[in-house]
PDB file of N, CA and C in Angstrom:
ATOM      1  N   MET A   1      50.068 -54.130   1.463  1.00  0.00           N
ATOM      2  CA  MET A   1      49.161 -53.144   0.907  1.00  0.00           C
ATOM      3  C   MET A   1      47.861 -53.778   0.437  1.00  0.00           C
ATOM      4  N   LYS A   2      47.933 -55.021  -0.083  1.00  0.00           N
ATOM      5  CA  LYS A   2      46.729 -55.685  -0.575  1.00  0.00           C
ATOM      6  C   LYS A   2      45.733 -55.938   0.539  1.00  0.00           C
ATOM      7  N   LYS A   3      46.197 -56.220   1.741  1.00  0.00           N
ATOM      8  CA  LYS A   3      45.295 -56.463   2.867  1.00  0.00           C
ATOM      9  C   LYS A   3      44.709 -55.156   3.389  1.00  0.00           C
ATOM     10  N   PHE A   4      45.421 -54.089   3.236  1.00  0.00           N
ATOM     11  CA  PHE A   4      44.994 -52.797   3.743  1.00  0.00           C
ATOM     12  C   PHE A   4      43.765 -52.273   3.005  1.00  0.00           C
ATOM     13  N   VAL A   5      43.699 -52.432   1.707  1.00  0.00           N
ATOM     14  CA  VAL A   5      42.602 -51.894   0.896  1.00  0.00           C
ATOM     15  C   VAL A   5      41.255 -52.505   1.288  1.00  0.00           C
ATOM     16  N   PRO A   6      41.094 -53.860   1.379  1.00  0.00           N
ATOM     17  CA  PRO A   6      39.798 -54.415   1.785  1.00  0.00           C
ATOM     18  C   PRO A   6      39.371 -53.980   3.183  1.00  0.00           C
ATOM     19  N   VAL A   7      40.337 -53.885   4.091  1.00  0.00           N
ATOM     20  CA  VAL A   7      40.011 -53.456   5.450  1.00  0.00           C
ATOM     21  C   VAL A   7      39.545 -52.006   5.443  1.00  0.00           C
ATOM     22  N   LEU A   8      40.204 -51.179   4.689  1.00  0.00           N
ATOM     23  CA  LEU A   8      39.807 -49.778   4.577  1.00  0.00           C
ATOM     24  C   LEU A   8      38.409 -49.660   3.985  1.00  0.00           C
ATOM     25  N   LEU A   9      38.111 -50.425   2.945  1.00  0.00           N
ATOM     26  CA  LEU A   9      36.776 -50.400   2.346  1.00  0.00           C
ATOM     27  C   LEU A   9      35.711 -50.840   3.331  1.00  0.00           C
ATOM     28  N   LEU A  10      35.995 -51.855   4.116  1.00  0.00           N
ATOM     29  CA  LEU A  10      35.060 -52.329   5.132  1.00  0.00           C
ATOM     30  C   LEU A  10      34.799 -51.248   6.172  1.00  0.00           C
ATOM     31  N   LEU A  11      35.832 -50.580   6.616  1.00  0.00           N
ATOM     32  CA  LEU A  11      35.679 -49.514   7.611  1.00  0.00           C
ATOM     33  C   LEU A  11      34.880 -48.340   7.063  1.00  0.00           C
ATOM     34  N   LEU A  12      35.069 -48.036   5.799  1.00  0.00           N
ATOM     35  CA  LEU A  12      34.320 -46.929   5.195  1.00  0.00           C
ATOM     36  C   LEU A  12      32.861 -47.284   4.977  1.00  0.00           C
ATOM     37  N   ALA A  13      32.561 -48.537   4.715  1.00  0.00           N
ATOM     38  CA  ALA A  13      31.188 -48.967   4.466  1.00  0.00           C
ATOM     39  C   ALA A  13      30.401 -49.172   5.751  1.00  0.00           C
ATOM     40  N   ALA A  14      31.049 -49.445   6.860  1.00  0.00           N
ATOM     41  CA  ALA A  14      30.375 -49.759   8.124  1.00  0.00           C
ATOM     42  C   ALA A  14      29.383 -48.692   8.571  1.00  0.00           C
ATOM     43  N   PRO A  15      29.686 -47.398   8.500  1.00  0.00           N
ATOM     44  CA  PRO A  15      28.708 -46.401   8.935  1.00  0.00           C
ATOM     45  C   PRO A  15      27.406 -46.438   8.149  1.00  0.00           C
ATOM     46  N   ALA A  16      27.438 -46.876   6.916  1.00  0.00           N
ATOM     47  CA  ALA A  16      26.215 -46.928   6.103  1.00  0.00           C
ATOM     48  C   ALA A  16      25.221 -47.935   6.661  1.00  0.00           C
ATOM     49  N   PHE A  17      25.686 -48.960   7.363  1.00  0.00           N
ATOM     50  CA  PHE A  17      24.815 -49.999   7.883  1.00  0.00           C
ATOM     51  C   PHE A  17      24.623 -49.912   9.393  1.00  0.00           C
ATOM     52  N   ALA A  18      25.254 -48.963  10.033  1.00  0.00           N
ATOM     53  CA  ALA A  18      25.264 -48.898  11.489  1.00  0.00           C
ATOM     54  C   ALA A  18      23.873 -48.746  12.093  1.00  0.00           C
ATOM     55  N   GLY A  19      22.992 -47.935  11.502  1.00  0.00           N
ATOM     56  CA  GLY A  19      21.690 -47.684  12.086  1.00  0.00           C
ATOM     57  C   GLY A  19      20.570 -48.547  11.542  1.00  0.00           C
ATOM     58  N   GLU A  20      20.873 -49.416  10.607  1.00  0.00           N
ATOM     59  CA  GLU A  20      19.836 -50.231   9.991  1.00  0.00           C
ATOM     60  C   GLU A  20      19.382 -51.335  10.930  1.00  0.00           C
ATOM     61  N   GLU A  21      18.057 -51.501  11.027  1.00  0.00           N
ATOM     62  CA  GLU A  21      17.466 -52.548  11.854  1.00  0.00           C
ATOM     63  C   GLU A  21      16.473 -53.339  11.024  1.00  0.00           C
ATOM     64  N   THR A  22      16.166 -54.532  11.505  1.00  0.00           N
ATOM     65  CA  THR A  22      15.160 -55.371  10.854  1.00  0.00           C
ATOM     66  C   THR A  22      14.125 -55.777  11.890  1.00  0.00           C
ATOM     67  N   TRP A  23      12.864 -55.585  11.540  1.00  0.00           N
ATOM     68  CA  TRP A  23      11.750 -56.037  12.373  1.00  0.00           C
ATOM     69  C   TRP A  23      11.069 -57.146  11.591  1.00  0.00           C
ATOM     70  N   LYS A  24      11.054 -58.362  12.146  1.00  0.00           N
ATOM     71  CA  LYS A  24      10.508 -59.517  11.424  1.00  0.00           C
ATOM     72  C   LYS A  24       9.144 -59.914  11.961  1.00  0.00           C
ATOM     73  N   ALA A  25       8.241 -60.221  11.038  1.00  0.00           N
ATOM     74  CA  ALA A  25       6.903 -60.736  11.340  1.00  0.00           C
ATOM     75  C   ALA A  25       6.152 -59.867  12.350  1.00  0.00           C
ATOM     76  N   VAL A  26       6.212 -58.559  12.158  1.00  0.00           N
ATOM     77  CA  VAL A  26       5.521 -57.620  13.046  1.00  0.00           C
ATOM     78  C   VAL A  26       4.205 -57.181  12.409  1.00  0.00           C
ATOM     79  N   PRO A  27       3.193 -56.893  13.230  1.00  0.00           N
ATOM     80  CA  PRO A  27       1.915 -56.426  12.679  1.00  0.00           C
ATOM     81  C   PRO A  27       2.077 -55.083  11.958  1.00  0.00           C
ATOM     82  N   LEU A  28       1.581 -55.011  10.731  1.00  0.00           N
ATOM     83  CA  LEU A  28       1.578 -53.791   9.930  1.00  0.00           C
ATOM     84  C   LEU A  28       0.194 -53.174  10.057  1.00  0.00           C
ATOM     85  N   ILE A  29       0.124 -51.959  10.600  1.00  0.00           N
ATOM     86  CA  ILE A  29      -1.163 -51.334  10.924  1.00  0.00           C
ATOM     87  C   ILE A  29      -1.140 -49.870  10.502  1.00  0.00           C
ATOM     88  N   ASP A  30      -2.286 -49.373  10.056  1.00  0.00           N
ATOM     89  CA  ASP A  30      -2.381 -47.942   9.768  1.00  0.00           C
ATOM     90  C   ASP A  30      -2.416 -47.171  11.083  1.00  0.00           C
ATOM     91  N   THR A  31      -1.913 -45.956  11.047  1.00  0.00           N
ATOM     92  CA  THR A  31      -1.795 -45.126  12.248  1.00  0.00           C
ATOM     93  C   THR A  31      -3.149 -44.811  12.872  1.00  0.00           C
ATOM     94  N   MET A  32      -4.166 -44.607  12.035  1.00  0.00           N
ATOM     95  CA  MET A  32      -5.486 -44.245  12.550  1.00  0.00           C
ATOM     96  C   MET A  32      -6.071 -45.351  13.431  1.00  0.00           C
ATOM     97  N   CYS A  33      -5.775 -46.596  13.139  1.00  0.00           N
ATOM     98  CA  CYS A  33      -6.337 -47.730  13.885  1.00  0.00           C
ATOM     99  C   CYS A  33      -5.364 -48.310  14.918  1.00  0.00           C
ATOM    100  N   SER A  34      -4.175 -47.754  15.028  1.00  0.00           N
ATOM    101  CA  SER A  34      -3.136 -48.362  15.863  1.00  0.00           C
ATOM    102  C   SER A  34      -3.555 -48.525  17.327  1.00  0.00           C
ATOM    103  N   ALA A  35      -4.196 -47.535  17.908  1.00  0.00           N
ATOM    104  CA  ALA A  35      -4.621 -47.638  19.306  1.00  0.00           C
ATOM    105  C   ALA A  35      -5.786 -48.618  19.462  1.00  0.00           C
ATOM    106  N   LYS A  36      -6.689 -48.609  18.487  1.00  0.00           N
ATOM    107  CA  LYS A  36      -7.887 -49.448  18.552  1.00  0.00           C
ATOM    108  C   LYS A  36      -7.553 -50.943  18.463  1.00  0.00           C
ATOM    109  N   VAL A  37      -6.570 -51.308  17.659  1.00  0.00           N
ATOM    110  CA  VAL A  37      -6.272 -52.729  17.439  1.00  0.00           C
ATOM    111  C   VAL A  37      -4.985 -53.195  18.123  1.00  0.00           C
ATOM    112  N   LYS A  38      -4.451 -52.366  18.998  1.00  0.00           N
ATOM    113  CA  LYS A  38      -3.174 -52.685  19.645  1.00  0.00           C
ATOM    114  C   LYS A  38      -3.200 -54.036  20.371  1.00  0.00           C
ATOM    115  N   ASP A  39      -4.299 -54.376  21.021  1.00  0.00           N
ATOM    116  CA  ASP A  39      -4.392 -55.628  21.769  1.00  0.00           C
ATOM    117  C   ASP A  39      -4.656 -56.846  20.890  1.00  0.00           C
ATOM    118  N   ALA A  40      -5.165 -56.631  19.680  1.00  0.00           N
ATOM    119  CA  ALA A  40      -5.451 -57.741  18.750  1.00  0.00           C
ATOM    120  C   ALA A  40      -5.093 -57.324  17.328  1.00  0.00           C
ATOM    121  N   PRO A  41      -3.808 -57.045  17.063  1.00  0.00           N
ATOM    122  CA  PRO A  41      -3.419 -56.516  15.750  1.00  0.00           C
ATOM    123  C   PRO A  41      -3.682 -57.462  14.591  1.00  0.00           C
ATOM    124  N   ASP A  42      -3.714 -58.768  14.829  1.00  0.00           N
ATOM    125  CA  ASP A  42      -3.940 -59.709  13.731  1.00  0.00           C
ATOM    126  C   ASP A  42      -5.385 -59.704  13.241  1.00  0.00           C
ATOM    127  N   SER A  43      -6.287 -59.120  14.014  1.00  0.00           N
ATOM    128  CA  SER A  43      -7.677 -59.027  13.574  1.00  0.00           C
ATOM    129  C   SER A  43      -7.901 -57.842  12.636  1.00  0.00           C
ATOM    130  N   HIS A  44      -6.941 -56.943  12.555  1.00  0.00           N
ATOM    131  CA  HIS A  44      -7.053 -55.765  11.694  1.00  0.00           C
ATOM    132  C   HIS A  44      -7.040 -56.200  10.232  1.00  0.00           C
ATOM    133  N   THR A  45      -7.975 -55.693   9.459  1.00  0.00           N
ATOM    134  CA  THR A  45      -8.120 -56.151   8.075  1.00  0.00           C
ATOM    135  C   THR A  45      -7.307 -55.306   7.089  1.00  0.00           C
ATOM    136  N   THR A  46      -6.982 -55.936   6.002  1.00  0.00           N
ATOM    137  CA  THR A  46      -6.271 -55.260   4.923  1.00  0.00           C
ATOM    138  C   THR A  46      -7.109 -54.122   4.367  1.00  0.00           C
ATOM    139  N   SER A  47      -8.405 -54.371   4.181  1.00  0.00           N
ATOM    140  CA  SER A  47      -9.275 -53.336   3.610  1.00  0.00           C
ATOM    141  C   SER A  47      -9.360 -52.111   4.521  1.00  0.00           C
ATOM    142  N   CYS A  48      -9.361 -52.318   5.831  1.00  0.00           N
ATOM    143  CA  CYS A  48      -9.375 -51.187   6.759  1.00  0.00           C
ATOM    144  C   CYS A  48      -8.062 -50.411   6.670  1.00  0.00           C
ATOM    145  N   ALA A  49      -6.952 -51.123   6.612  1.00  0.00           N
ATOM    146  CA  ALA A  49      -5.650 -50.456   6.520  1.00  0.00           C
ATOM    147  C   ALA A  49      -5.561 -49.596   5.258  1.00  0.00           C
ATOM    148  N   ILE A  50      -6.070 -50.114   4.160  1.00  0.00           N
ATOM    149  CA  ILE A  50      -6.051 -49.351   2.905  1.00  0.00           C
ATOM    150  C   ILE A  50      -6.984 -48.141   2.997  1.00  0.00           C
ATOM    151  N   ALA A  51      -8.163 -48.333   3.579  1.00  0.00           N
ATOM    152  CA  ALA A  51      -9.127 -47.233   3.717  1.00  0.00           C
ATOM    153  C   ALA A  51      -8.593 -46.115   4.614  1.00  0.00           C
ATOM    154  N   CYS A  52      -7.779 -46.469   5.596  1.00  0.00           N
ATOM    155  CA  CYS A  52      -7.254 -45.488   6.547  1.00  0.00           C
ATOM    156  C   CYS A  52      -5.826 -45.054   6.211  1.00  0.00           C
ATOM    157  N   ALA A  53      -5.397 -45.295   4.993  1.00  0.00           N
ATOM    158  CA  ALA A  53      -4.007 -45.054   4.587  1.00  0.00           C
ATOM    159  C   ALA A  53      -3.571 -43.601   4.689  1.00  0.00           C
ATOM    160  N   ARG A  54      -4.490 -42.673   4.609  1.00  0.00           N
ATOM    161  CA  ARG A  54      -4.090 -41.257   4.606  1.00  0.00           C
ATOM    162  C   ARG A  54      -3.376 -40.857   5.887  1.00  0.00           C
ATOM    163  N   GLY A  55      -3.581 -41.603   6.979  1.00  0.00           N
ATOM    164  CA  GLY A  55      -2.892 -41.318   8.236  1.00  0.00           C
ATOM    165  C   GLY A  55      -1.514 -41.946   8.326  1.00  0.00           C
ATOM    166  N   GLY A  56      -1.160 -42.758   7.335  1.00  0.00           N
ATOM    167  CA  GLY A  56       0.148 -43.404   7.337  1.00  0.00           C
ATOM    168  C   GLY A  56       0.098 -44.780   7.968  1.00  0.00           C
ATOM    169  N   PHE A  57       1.250 -45.427   8.012  1.00  0.00           N
ATOM    170  CA  PHE A  57       1.371 -46.784   8.522  1.00  0.00           C
ATOM    171  C   PHE A  57       2.495 -46.885   9.531  1.00  0.00           C
ATOM    172  N   GLY A  58       2.523 -48.039  10.184  1.00  0.00           N
ATOM    173  CA  GLY A  58       3.586 -48.327  11.131  1.00  0.00           C
ATOM    174  C   GLY A  58       3.484 -49.766  11.584  1.00  0.00           C
ATOM    175  N   ILE A  59       4.281 -50.084  12.580  1.00  0.00           N
ATOM    176  CA  ILE A  59       4.299 -51.449  13.112  1.00  0.00           C
ATOM    177  C   ILE A  59       4.168 -51.412  14.623  1.00  0.00           C
ATOM    178  N   VAL A  60       3.737 -52.532  15.164  1.00  0.00           N
ATOM    179  CA  VAL A  60       3.749 -52.716  16.606  1.00  0.00           C
ATOM    180  C   VAL A  60       5.012 -53.516  16.911  1.00  0.00           C
ATOM    181  N   ALA A  61       5.949 -52.890  17.579  1.00  0.00           N
ATOM    182  CA  ALA A  61       7.212 -53.539  17.922  1.00  0.00           C
ATOM    183  C   ALA A  61       6.984 -54.585  19.009  1.00  0.00           C
ATOM    184  N   SER A  62       7.982 -55.404  19.252  1.00  0.00           N
ATOM    185  CA  SER A  62       7.857 -56.489  20.238  1.00  0.00           C
ATOM    186  C   SER A  62       7.568 -55.981  21.646  1.00  0.00           C
ATOM    187  N   ASP A  63       7.949 -54.749  21.955  1.00  0.00           N
ATOM    188  CA  ASP A  63       7.674 -54.183  23.278  1.00  0.00           C
ATOM    189  C   ASP A  63       6.321 -53.485  23.348  1.00  0.00           C
ATOM    190  N   GLY A  64       5.520 -53.565  22.259  1.00  0.00           N
ATOM    191  CA  GLY A  64       4.194 -52.957  22.234  1.00  0.00           C
ATOM    192  C   GLY A  64       4.175 -51.531  21.731  1.00  0.00           C
ATOM    193  N   THR A  65       5.325 -50.959  21.440  1.00  0.00           N
ATOM    194  CA  THR A  65       5.431 -49.590  20.952  1.00  0.00           C
ATOM    195  C   THR A  65       4.989 -49.517  19.489  1.00  0.00           C
ATOM    196  N   TYR A  66       4.222 -48.485  19.153  1.00  0.00           N
ATOM    197  CA  TYR A  66       3.840 -48.257  17.762  1.00  0.00           C
ATOM    198  C   TYR A  66       4.880 -47.346  17.127  1.00  0.00           C
ATOM    199  N   LEU A  67       5.504 -47.817  16.067  1.00  0.00           N
ATOM    200  CA  LEU A  67       6.520 -47.058  15.350  1.00  0.00           C
ATOM    201  C   LEU A  67       5.963 -46.669  13.987  1.00  0.00           C
ATOM    202  N   LYS A  68       5.944 -45.372  13.703  1.00  0.00           N
ATOM    203  CA  LYS A  68       5.399 -44.860  12.442  1.00  0.00           C
ATOM    204  C   LYS A  68       6.437 -44.935  11.336  1.00  0.00           C
ATOM    205  N   PHE A  69       5.956 -45.023  10.094  1.00  0.00           N
ATOM    206  CA  PHE A  69       6.823 -45.018   8.925  1.00  0.00           C
ATOM    207  C   PHE A  69       7.023 -43.592   8.421  1.00  0.00           C
ATOM    208  N   ASP A  70       8.145 -43.364   7.770  1.00  0.00           N
ATOM    209  CA  ASP A  70       8.350 -42.109   7.061  1.00  0.00           C
ATOM    210  C   ASP A  70       7.484 -42.130   5.788  1.00  0.00           C
ATOM    211  N   GLU A  71       7.483 -41.052   5.045  1.00  0.00           N
ATOM    212  CA  GLU A  71       6.616 -40.953   3.862  1.00  0.00           C
ATOM    213  C   GLU A  71       6.921 -42.030   2.829  1.00  0.00           C
ATOM    214  N   ALA A  72       8.190 -42.319   2.607  1.00  0.00           N
ATOM    215  CA  ALA A  72       8.555 -43.369   1.645  1.00  0.00           C
ATOM    216  C   ALA A  72       8.035 -44.727   2.121  1.00  0.00           C
ATOM    217  N   GLY A  73       8.126 -44.969   3.411  1.00  0.00           N
ATOM    218  CA  GLY A  73       7.626 -46.221   3.974  1.00  0.00           C
ATOM    219  C   GLY A  73       6.119 -46.340   3.849  1.00  0.00           C
ATOM    220  N   ASN A  74       5.412 -45.224   4.021  1.00  0.00           N
ATOM    221  CA  ASN A  74       3.963 -45.227   3.855  1.00  0.00           C
ATOM    222  C   ASN A  74       3.572 -45.634   2.433  1.00  0.00           C
ATOM    223  N   LYS A  75       4.292 -45.114   1.452  1.00  0.00           N
ATOM    224  CA  LYS A  75       4.006 -45.452   0.053  1.00  0.00           C
ATOM    225  C   LYS A  75       4.291 -46.930  -0.221  1.00  0.00           C
ATOM    226  N   LYS A  76       5.385 -47.444   0.319  1.00  0.00           N
ATOM    227  CA  LYS A  76       5.736 -48.858   0.131  1.00  0.00           C
ATOM    228  C   LYS A  76       4.702 -49.763   0.793  1.00  0.00           C
ATOM    229  N   ALA A  77       4.282 -49.393   1.998  1.00  0.00           N
ATOM    230  CA  ALA A  77       3.295 -50.199   2.718  1.00  0.00           C
ATOM    231  C   ALA A  77       1.963 -50.226   1.979  1.00  0.00           C
ATOM    232  N   LEU A  78       1.508 -49.078   1.507  1.00  0.00           N
ATOM    233  CA  LEU A  78       0.240 -49.019   0.778  1.00  0.00           C
ATOM    234  C   LEU A  78       0.305 -49.866  -0.498  1.00  0.00           C
ATOM    235  N   ALA A  79       1.393 -49.774  -1.220  1.00  0.00           N
ATOM    236  CA  ALA A  79       1.534 -50.547  -2.451  1.00  0.00           C
ATOM    237  C   ALA A  79       1.485 -52.044  -2.173  1.00  0.00           C
ATOM    238  N   ILE A  80       2.154 -52.472  -1.123  1.00  0.00           N
ATOM    239  CA  ILE A  80       2.180 -53.906  -0.815  1.00  0.00           C
ATOM    240  C   ILE A  80       0.826 -54.386  -0.295  1.00  0.00           C
ATOM    241  N   LEU A  81       0.118 -53.533   0.446  1.00  0.00           N
ATOM    242  CA  LEU A  81      -1.217 -53.906   0.917  1.00  0.00           C
ATOM    243  C   LEU A  81      -2.197 -54.029  -0.251  1.00  0.00           C
ATOM    244  N   LYS A  82      -2.078 -53.136  -1.214  1.00  0.00           N
ATOM    245  CA  LYS A  82      -2.965 -53.186  -2.376  1.00  0.00           C
ATOM    246  C   LYS A  82      -2.700 -54.409  -3.251  1.00  0.00           C
ATOM    247  N   SER A  83      -1.506 -54.954  -3.168  1.00  0.00           N
ATOM    248  CA  SER A  83      -1.159 -56.088  -4.034  1.00  0.00           C
ATOM    249  C   SER A  83      -1.388 -57.458  -3.385  1.00  0.00           C
ATOM    250  N   THR A  84      -1.689 -57.488  -2.087  1.00  0.00           N
ATOM    251  CA  THR A  84      -1.850 -58.775  -1.401  1.00  0.00           C
ATOM    252  C   THR A  84      -3.274 -59.310  -1.493  1.00  0.00           C
ATOM    253  N   LYS A  85      -3.383 -60.610  -1.358  1.00  0.00           N
ATOM    254  CA  LYS A  85      -4.698 -61.257  -1.293  1.00  0.00           C
ATOM    255  C   LYS A  85      -5.069 -61.588   0.159  1.00  0.00           C
ATOM    256  N   LYS A  86      -4.162 -61.295   1.096  1.00  0.00           N
ATOM    257  CA  LYS A  86      -4.445 -61.528   2.513  1.00  0.00           C
ATOM    258  C   LYS A  86      -5.543 -60.572   2.966  1.00  0.00           C
ATOM    259  N   THR A  87      -6.463 -61.052   3.776  1.00  0.00           N
ATOM    260  CA  THR A  87      -7.552 -60.195   4.250  1.00  0.00           C
ATOM    261  C   THR A  87      -7.320 -59.684   5.669  1.00  0.00           C
ATOM    262  N   ASP A  88      -6.491 -60.369   6.449  1.00  0.00           N
ATOM    263  CA  ASP A  88      -6.147 -59.934   7.799  1.00  0.00           C
ATOM    264  C   ASP A  88      -4.838 -60.611   8.193  1.00  0.00           C
ATOM    265  N   HIS A  89      -4.482 -60.527   9.476  1.00  0.00           N
ATOM    266  CA  HIS A  89      -3.229 -61.108   9.960  1.00  0.00           C
ATOM    267  C   HIS A  89      -2.067 -60.584   9.106  1.00  0.00           C
ATOM    268  N   ILE A  90      -1.989 -59.266   9.028  1.00  0.00           N
ATOM    269  CA  ILE A  90      -1.000 -58.607   8.178  1.00  0.00           C
ATOM    270  C   ILE A  90       0.310 -58.481   8.947  1.00  0.00           C
ATOM    271  N   ARG A  91       1.227 -59.370   8.659  1.00  0.00           N
ATOM    272  CA  ARG A  91       2.550 -59.363   9.284  1.00  0.00           C
ATOM    273  C   ARG A  91       3.577 -59.038   8.220  1.00  0.00           C
ATOM    274  N   ALA A  92       4.590 -58.269   8.599  1.00  0.00           N
ATOM    275  CA  ALA A  92       5.586 -57.835   7.626  1.00  0.00           C
ATOM    276  C   ALA A  92       6.986 -57.851   8.231  1.00  0.00           C
ATOM    277  N   THR A  93       7.955 -57.864   7.358  1.00  0.00           N
ATOM    278  CA  THR A  93       9.344 -57.657   7.741  1.00  0.00           C
ATOM    279  C   THR A  93       9.741 -56.290   7.207  1.00  0.00           C
ATOM    280  N   ILE A  94      10.253 -55.465   8.098  1.00  0.00           N
ATOM    281  CA  ILE A  94      10.615 -54.091   7.774  1.00  0.00           C
ATOM    282  C   ILE A  94      12.110 -53.921   7.978  1.00  0.00           C
ATOM    283  N   ILE A  95      12.759 -53.293   7.026  1.00  0.00           N
ATOM    284  CA  ILE A  95      14.170 -52.936   7.165  1.00  0.00           C
ATOM    285  C   ILE A  95      14.254 -51.426   7.058  1.00  0.00           C
ATOM    286  N   GLY A  96      14.917 -50.817   8.038  1.00  0.00           N
ATOM    287  CA  GLY A  96      15.048 -49.371   8.028  1.00  0.00           C
ATOM    288  C   GLY A  96      15.843 -48.869   9.205  1.00  0.00           C
ATOM    289  N   GLU A  97      15.837 -47.571   9.365  1.00  0.00           N
ATOM    290  CA  GLU A  97      16.554 -46.925  10.465  1.00  0.00           C
ATOM    291  C   GLU A  97      15.545 -46.247  11.381  1.00  0.00           C
ATOM    292  N   ARG A  98      15.650 -46.553  12.664  1.00  0.00           N
ATOM    293  CA  ARG A  98      14.739 -45.967  13.648  1.00  0.00           C
ATOM    294  C   ARG A  98      15.309 -44.657  14.164  1.00  0.00           C
ATOM    295  N   GLU A  99      14.453 -43.634  14.165  1.00  0.00           N
ATOM    296  CA  GLU A  99      14.789 -42.335  14.740  1.00  0.00           C
ATOM    297  C   GLU A  99      13.646 -41.949  15.659  1.00  0.00           C
ATOM    298  N   GLY A 100      13.792 -42.232  16.932  1.00  0.00           N
ATOM    299  CA  GLY A 100      12.714 -42.000  17.890  1.00  0.00           C
ATOM    300  C   GLY A 100      11.597 -42.990  17.635  1.00  0.00           C
ATOM    301  N   ASP A 101      10.389 -42.472  17.342  1.00  0.00           N
ATOM    302  CA  ASP A 101       9.264 -43.368  17.052  1.00  0.00           C
ATOM    303  C   ASP A 101       8.947 -43.423  15.553  1.00  0.00           C
ATOM    304  N   ILE A 102       9.915 -43.029  14.722  1.00  0.00           N
ATOM    305  CA  ILE A 102       9.768 -43.046  13.269  1.00  0.00           C
ATOM    306  C   ILE A 102      10.784 -44.034  12.672  1.00  0.00           C
ATOM    307  N   ILE A 103      10.346 -44.796  11.677  1.00  0.00           N
ATOM    308  CA  ILE A 103      11.252 -45.670  10.941  1.00  0.00           C
ATOM    309  C   ILE A 103      11.422 -45.107   9.541  1.00  0.00           C
ATOM    310  N   LYS A 104      12.659 -44.858   9.148  1.00  0.00           N
ATOM    311  CA  LYS A 104      12.976 -44.509   7.762  1.00  0.00           C
ATOM    312  C   LYS A 104      13.068 -45.837   7.031  1.00  0.00           C
ATOM    313  N   VAL A 105      12.024 -46.184   6.325  1.00  0.00           N
ATOM    314  CA  VAL A 105      11.859 -47.517   5.740  1.00  0.00           C
ATOM    315  C   VAL A 105      12.668 -47.664   4.463  1.00  0.00           C
ATOM    316  N   LYS A 106      13.444 -48.751   4.420  1.00  0.00           N
ATOM    317  CA  LYS A 106      14.167 -49.109   3.192  1.00  0.00           C
ATOM    318  C   LYS A 106      13.386 -50.176   2.429  1.00  0.00           C
ATOM    319  N   SER A 107      12.777 -51.114   3.164  1.00  0.00           N
ATOM    320  CA  SER A 107      11.978 -52.139   2.478  1.00  0.00           C
ATOM    321  C   SER A 107      10.878 -52.673   3.382  1.00  0.00           C
ATOM    322  N   VAL A 108       9.793 -53.103   2.734  1.00  0.00           N
ATOM    323  CA  VAL A 108       8.638 -53.714   3.397  1.00  0.00           C
ATOM    324  C   VAL A 108       8.310 -54.975   2.613  1.00  0.00           C
ATOM    325  N   SER A 109       8.184 -56.093   3.316  1.00  0.00           N
ATOM    326  CA  SER A 109       7.738 -57.321   2.660  1.00  0.00           C
ATOM    327  C   SER A 109       6.759 -58.042   3.576  1.00  0.00           C
ATOM    328  N   LEU A 110       5.675 -58.528   3.008  1.00  0.00           N
ATOM    329  CA  LEU A 110       4.690 -59.265   3.805  1.00  0.00           C
ATOM    330  C   LEU A 110       5.199 -60.675   4.110  1.00  0.00           C
ATOM    331  N   ASP A 111       4.917 -61.132   5.301  1.00  0.00           N
ATOM    332  CA  ASP A 111       5.319 -62.492   5.703  1.00  0.00           C
ATOM    333  C   ASP A 111       4.203 -63.467   5.447  1.00  0.00           C
TER     334      ASP A 111
END
């Protein structure tokens, strides 16, 4: 019985982590500028991203796809951009769940 309980807990917890993904060192870009800077995302400035924040944020995935953040992710991204001293080359690690071209963001951290 003692072995059964930990296994049962593991099985019950597994669905909570099933859809979670991590994107490491990906360009963090505002949606308004995503098409314009797609070929050179590291040249995009922090000040531009903050100025264009009303359109939301997202990342350029390794396959070149732009993935938008949900509203909570937009707030987290804006807060972290406002707190950084980096002026460009904005790379981040994102943890969240992808649903189509939207990421339900759990955390954002600058690299």
